[in-house]
Amino acid sequence: MLSSIWNACKNLLNRVKESLKTWTKPATAALAVGAIQDLTRAKSDLVVENAILRQQLIVLKRSVKRPKFTTGDRTRLTLLAHLLKELRP
């Protein structure tokens, strides 16, 4: 009885694990399209987007369980996002 329950749980966990792998696998076509789009973008646009991503990494690397955005983080991200929007046609 216990072995059948154990096997059912293992099968369920394996299916969940495989589903997570499928859901989190990046689409290769989307990566190629994104790379081609980046080639046509202005350098200033890419620099601003890079700055936004760097700011997000700074927050993520804080040594706490759940990093939170400070007012300064929000201000920088808002200004950078505004710049990114302004640079796009």
N, C-alpha and C. Protein backbone atom coordinates (compact mmCIF):
# COMPACT_ATOMS: atom_id res chain seq x y z
N MET A 1 0.82 -1.19 0.00
CA MET A 1 0.00 0.00 0.00
C MET A 1 0.87 1.27 0.00
N LEU A 2 1.84 1.32 0.93
CA LEU A 2 2.70 2.49 1.00
C LEU A 2 3.58 2.62 -0.25
N SER A 3 4.01 1.50 -0.79
CA SER A 3 4.85 1.57 -1.98
C SER A 3 4.08 2.11 -3.18
N SER A 4 2.81 1.78 -3.29
CA SER A 4 2.01 2.30 -4.41
C SER A 4 1.77 3.80 -4.24
N ILE A 5 1.57 4.26 -3.02
CA ILE A 5 1.42 5.70 -2.76
C ILE A 5 2.73 6.41 -3.06
N TRP A 6 3.84 5.80 -2.62
CA TRP A 6 5.16 6.39 -2.87
C TRP A 6 5.43 6.49 -4.37
N ASN A 7 5.12 5.46 -5.12
CA ASN A 7 5.32 5.47 -6.57
C ASN A 7 4.43 6.52 -7.24
N ALA A 8 3.21 6.66 -6.78
CA ALA A 8 2.30 7.66 -7.34
C ALA A 8 2.85 9.07 -7.09
N CYS A 9 3.37 9.30 -5.88
CA CYS A 9 3.95 10.61 -5.56
C CYS A 9 5.18 10.88 -6.41
N LYS A 10 6.03 9.87 -6.59
CA LYS A 10 7.22 10.05 -7.43
C LYS A 10 6.83 10.36 -8.87
N ASN A 11 5.82 9.67 -9.39
CA ASN A 11 5.36 9.92 -10.75
C ASN A 11 4.81 11.34 -10.89
N LEU A 12 4.05 11.77 -9.90
CA LEU A 12 3.49 13.12 -9.93
C LEU A 12 4.60 14.17 -9.90
N LEU A 13 5.58 13.97 -9.02
CA LEU A 13 6.70 14.91 -8.94
C LEU A 13 7.51 14.94 -10.24
N ASN A 14 7.69 13.79 -10.86
CA ASN A 14 8.40 13.75 -12.14
C ASN A 14 7.64 14.50 -13.23
N ARG A 15 6.30 14.36 -13.24
CA ARG A 15 5.50 15.08 -14.23
C ARG A 15 5.56 16.59 -13.99
N VAL A 16 5.53 16.99 -12.73
CA VAL A 16 5.64 18.42 -12.41
C VAL A 16 7.00 18.94 -12.83
N LYS A 17 8.04 18.18 -12.55
CA LYS A 17 9.40 18.57 -12.92
C LYS A 17 9.52 18.74 -14.43
N GLU A 18 9.00 17.80 -15.20
CA GLU A 18 9.06 17.89 -16.66
C GLU A 18 8.24 19.07 -17.17
N SER A 19 7.10 19.32 -16.56
CA SER A 19 6.28 20.47 -16.96
C SER A 19 7.02 21.78 -16.71
N LEU A 20 7.68 21.88 -15.56
CA LEU A 20 8.45 23.09 -15.26
C LEU A 20 9.59 23.29 -16.25
N LYS A 21 10.25 22.20 -16.63
CA LYS A 21 11.31 22.31 -17.62
C LYS A 21 10.76 22.84 -18.94
N THR A 22 9.61 22.33 -19.33
CA THR A 22 8.99 22.76 -20.59
C THR A 22 8.58 24.22 -20.53
N TRP A 23 7.96 24.63 -19.42
CA TRP A 23 7.46 26.00 -19.28
C TRP A 23 8.59 27.02 -19.23
N THR A 24 9.72 26.64 -18.64
CA THR A 24 10.80 27.61 -18.45
C THR A 24 11.85 27.57 -19.56
N LYS A 25 11.71 26.66 -20.50
CA LYS A 25 12.67 26.59 -21.60
C LYS A 25 12.41 27.76 -22.56
N PRO A 26 13.44 28.56 -22.84
CA PRO A 26 13.22 29.69 -23.75
C PRO A 26 12.98 29.21 -25.17
N ALA A 27 12.10 29.92 -25.86
CA ALA A 27 11.82 29.60 -27.25
C ALA A 27 12.99 30.09 -28.10
N THR A 28 13.59 29.20 -28.86
CA THR A 28 14.76 29.57 -29.65
C THR A 28 14.39 30.55 -30.76
N ALA A 29 13.21 30.44 -31.32
CA ALA A 29 12.80 31.37 -32.37
C ALA A 29 12.68 32.78 -31.80
N ALA A 30 12.14 32.89 -30.59
CA ALA A 30 11.99 34.20 -29.96
C ALA A 30 13.36 34.82 -29.68
N LEU A 31 14.34 34.00 -29.30
CA LEU A 31 15.68 34.51 -29.06
C LEU A 31 16.29 35.05 -30.34
N ALA A 32 16.11 34.33 -31.44
CA ALA A 32 16.67 34.76 -32.72
C ALA A 32 16.02 36.06 -33.18
N VAL A 33 14.70 36.14 -33.05
CA VAL A 33 13.99 37.36 -33.44
C VAL A 33 14.43 38.53 -32.57
N GLY A 34 14.58 38.31 -31.27
CA GLY A 34 15.05 39.36 -30.37
C GLY A 34 16.44 39.85 -30.71
N ALA A 35 17.32 38.92 -31.06
CA ALA A 35 18.69 39.29 -31.43
C ALA A 35 18.69 40.13 -32.71
N ILE A 36 17.87 39.76 -33.67
CA ILE A 36 17.78 40.53 -34.92
C ILE A 36 17.21 41.92 -34.65
N GLN A 37 16.20 41.99 -33.78
CA GLN A 37 15.63 43.30 -33.43
C GLN A 37 16.67 44.18 -32.74
N ASP A 38 17.50 43.58 -31.89
CA ASP A 38 18.53 44.35 -31.20
C ASP A 38 19.54 44.93 -32.17
N LEU A 39 19.79 44.24 -33.27
CA LEU A 39 20.74 44.76 -34.26
C LEU A 39 20.24 46.04 -34.93
N THR A 40 18.93 46.20 -34.98
CA THR A 40 18.36 47.38 -35.64
C THR A 40 18.10 48.53 -34.68
N ARG A 41 18.27 48.30 -33.39
CA ARG A 41 17.98 49.35 -32.40
C ARG A 41 19.16 50.30 -32.26
N ALA A 42 18.86 51.49 -31.83
CA ALA A 42 19.89 52.50 -31.62
C ALA A 42 20.74 52.11 -30.40
N LYS A 43 22.00 52.49 -30.44
CA LYS A 43 22.91 52.16 -29.34
C LYS A 43 22.43 52.79 -28.03
N SER A 44 21.93 54.02 -28.10
CA SER A 44 21.46 54.68 -26.87
C SER A 44 20.30 53.92 -26.25
N ASP A 45 19.44 53.36 -27.09
CA ASP A 45 18.31 52.56 -26.61
C ASP A 45 18.81 51.33 -25.87
N LEU A 46 19.81 50.66 -26.43
CA LEU A 46 20.36 49.46 -25.80
C LEU A 46 21.10 49.80 -24.50
N VAL A 47 21.76 50.95 -24.46
CA VAL A 47 22.48 51.37 -23.26
C VAL A 47 21.50 51.60 -22.12
N VAL A 48 20.38 52.25 -22.42
CA VAL A 48 19.38 52.51 -21.38
C VAL A 48 18.76 51.19 -20.90
N GLU A 49 18.45 50.30 -21.82
CA GLU A 49 17.88 49.01 -21.42
C GLU A 49 18.88 48.23 -20.56
N ASN A 50 20.14 48.29 -20.93
CA ASN A 50 21.19 47.63 -20.14
C ASN A 50 21.26 48.22 -18.74
N ALA A 51 21.13 49.53 -18.62
CA ALA A 51 21.15 50.18 -17.31
C ALA A 51 19.97 49.71 -16.45
N ILE A 52 18.81 49.57 -17.07
CA ILE A 52 17.64 49.07 -16.34
C ILE A 52 17.91 47.66 -15.82
N LEU A 53 18.43 46.81 -16.67
CA LEU A 53 18.72 45.43 -16.26
C LEU A 53 19.78 45.38 -15.17
N ARG A 54 20.79 46.23 -15.26
CA ARG A 54 21.83 46.28 -14.22
C ARG A 54 21.24 46.70 -12.88
N GLN A 55 20.34 47.67 -12.89
CA GLN A 55 19.71 48.11 -11.64
C GLN A 55 18.89 46.98 -11.03
N GLN A 56 18.20 46.22 -11.86
CA GLN A 56 17.43 45.09 -11.35
C GLN A 56 18.36 44.04 -10.74
N LEU A 57 19.52 43.81 -11.36
CA LEU A 57 20.48 42.86 -10.80
C LEU A 57 21.05 43.34 -9.48
N ILE A 58 21.27 44.64 -9.37
CA ILE A 58 21.78 45.20 -8.11
C ILE A 58 20.80 44.89 -6.98
N VAL A 59 19.52 45.09 -7.24
CA VAL A 59 18.51 44.80 -6.22
C VAL A 59 18.47 43.31 -5.93
N LEU A 60 18.54 42.48 -6.96
CA LEU A 60 18.46 41.03 -6.78
C LEU A 60 19.63 40.48 -5.97
N LYS A 61 20.82 41.07 -6.12
CA LYS A 61 22.02 40.55 -5.45
C LYS A 61 22.14 40.98 -3.99
N ARG A 62 21.19 41.77 -3.51
CA ARG A 62 21.24 42.15 -2.10
C ARG A 62 21.11 40.89 -1.25
N SER A 63 21.86 40.83 -0.18
CA SER A 63 21.92 39.60 0.62
C SER A 63 20.81 39.53 1.66
N VAL A 64 19.60 39.52 1.18
CA VAL A 64 18.44 39.30 2.03
C VAL A 64 17.56 38.27 1.33
N LYS A 65 16.65 37.66 2.09
CA LYS A 65 15.81 36.62 1.50
C LYS A 65 14.95 37.16 0.35
N ARG A 66 14.34 38.30 0.57
CA ARG A 66 13.47 38.88 -0.45
C ARG A 66 13.84 40.34 -0.63
N PRO A 67 14.69 40.64 -1.62
CA PRO A 67 15.10 42.04 -1.79
C PRO A 67 13.93 42.92 -2.18
N LYS A 68 13.96 44.14 -1.67
CA LYS A 68 12.89 45.09 -1.97
C LYS A 68 13.48 46.31 -2.65
N PHE A 69 12.68 46.92 -3.51
CA PHE A 69 13.10 48.14 -4.17
C PHE A 69 13.01 49.30 -3.19
N THR A 70 14.08 50.08 -3.10
CA THR A 70 14.05 51.27 -2.28
C THR A 70 13.47 52.40 -3.13
N THR A 71 13.25 53.54 -2.52
CA THR A 71 12.74 54.69 -3.26
C THR A 71 13.73 55.10 -4.34
N GLY A 72 15.02 55.04 -4.03
CA GLY A 72 16.05 55.36 -5.02
C GLY A 72 16.04 54.39 -6.19
N ASP A 73 15.83 53.09 -5.90
CA ASP A 73 15.75 52.10 -6.98
C ASP A 73 14.57 52.40 -7.90
N ARG A 74 13.43 52.68 -7.28
CA ARG A 74 12.23 52.98 -8.08
C ARG A 74 12.43 54.24 -8.92
N THR A 75 13.08 55.23 -8.34
CA THR A 75 13.31 56.48 -9.07
C THR A 75 14.22 56.23 -10.27
N ARG A 76 15.32 55.51 -10.05
CA ARG A 76 16.24 55.22 -11.15
C ARG A 76 15.56 54.41 -12.25
N LEU A 77 14.81 53.38 -11.86
CA LEU A 77 14.14 52.56 -12.86
C LEU A 77 13.09 53.35 -13.63
N THR A 78 12.37 54.23 -12.94
CA THR A 78 11.36 55.05 -13.60
C THR A 78 12.00 56.00 -14.60
N LEU A 79 13.08 56.65 -14.20
CA LEU A 79 13.78 57.57 -15.10
C LEU A 79 14.36 56.83 -16.31
N LEU A 80 14.95 55.67 -16.06
CA LEU A 80 15.52 54.91 -17.17
C LEU A 80 14.43 54.40 -18.12
N ALA A 81 13.31 53.96 -17.57
CA ALA A 81 12.20 53.51 -18.41
C ALA A 81 11.65 54.67 -19.23
N HIS A 82 11.59 55.85 -18.62
CA HIS A 82 11.12 57.04 -19.34
C HIS A 82 12.08 57.36 -20.49
N LEU A 83 13.39 57.26 -20.23
CA LEU A 83 14.37 57.49 -21.28
C LEU A 83 14.21 56.48 -22.42
N LEU A 84 13.97 55.24 -22.05
CA LEU A 84 13.81 54.21 -23.05
C LEU A 84 12.59 54.49 -23.92
N LYS A 85 11.51 54.93 -23.30
CA LYS A 85 10.30 55.25 -24.04
C LYS A 85 10.53 56.46 -24.94
N GLU A 86 11.29 57.45 -24.47
CA GLU A 86 11.56 58.65 -25.24
C GLU A 86 12.42 58.35 -26.47
N LEU A 87 13.33 57.38 -26.34
CA LEU A 87 14.24 57.08 -27.44
C LEU A 87 13.57 56.30 -28.56
N ARG A 88 12.50 55.59 -28.24
CA ARG A 88 11.82 54.81 -29.27
C ARG A 88 10.93 55.70 -30.11
N PRO A 89 10.86 55.42 -31.41
CA PRO A 89 10.03 56.25 -32.29
C PRO A 89 8.56 56.03 -32.09
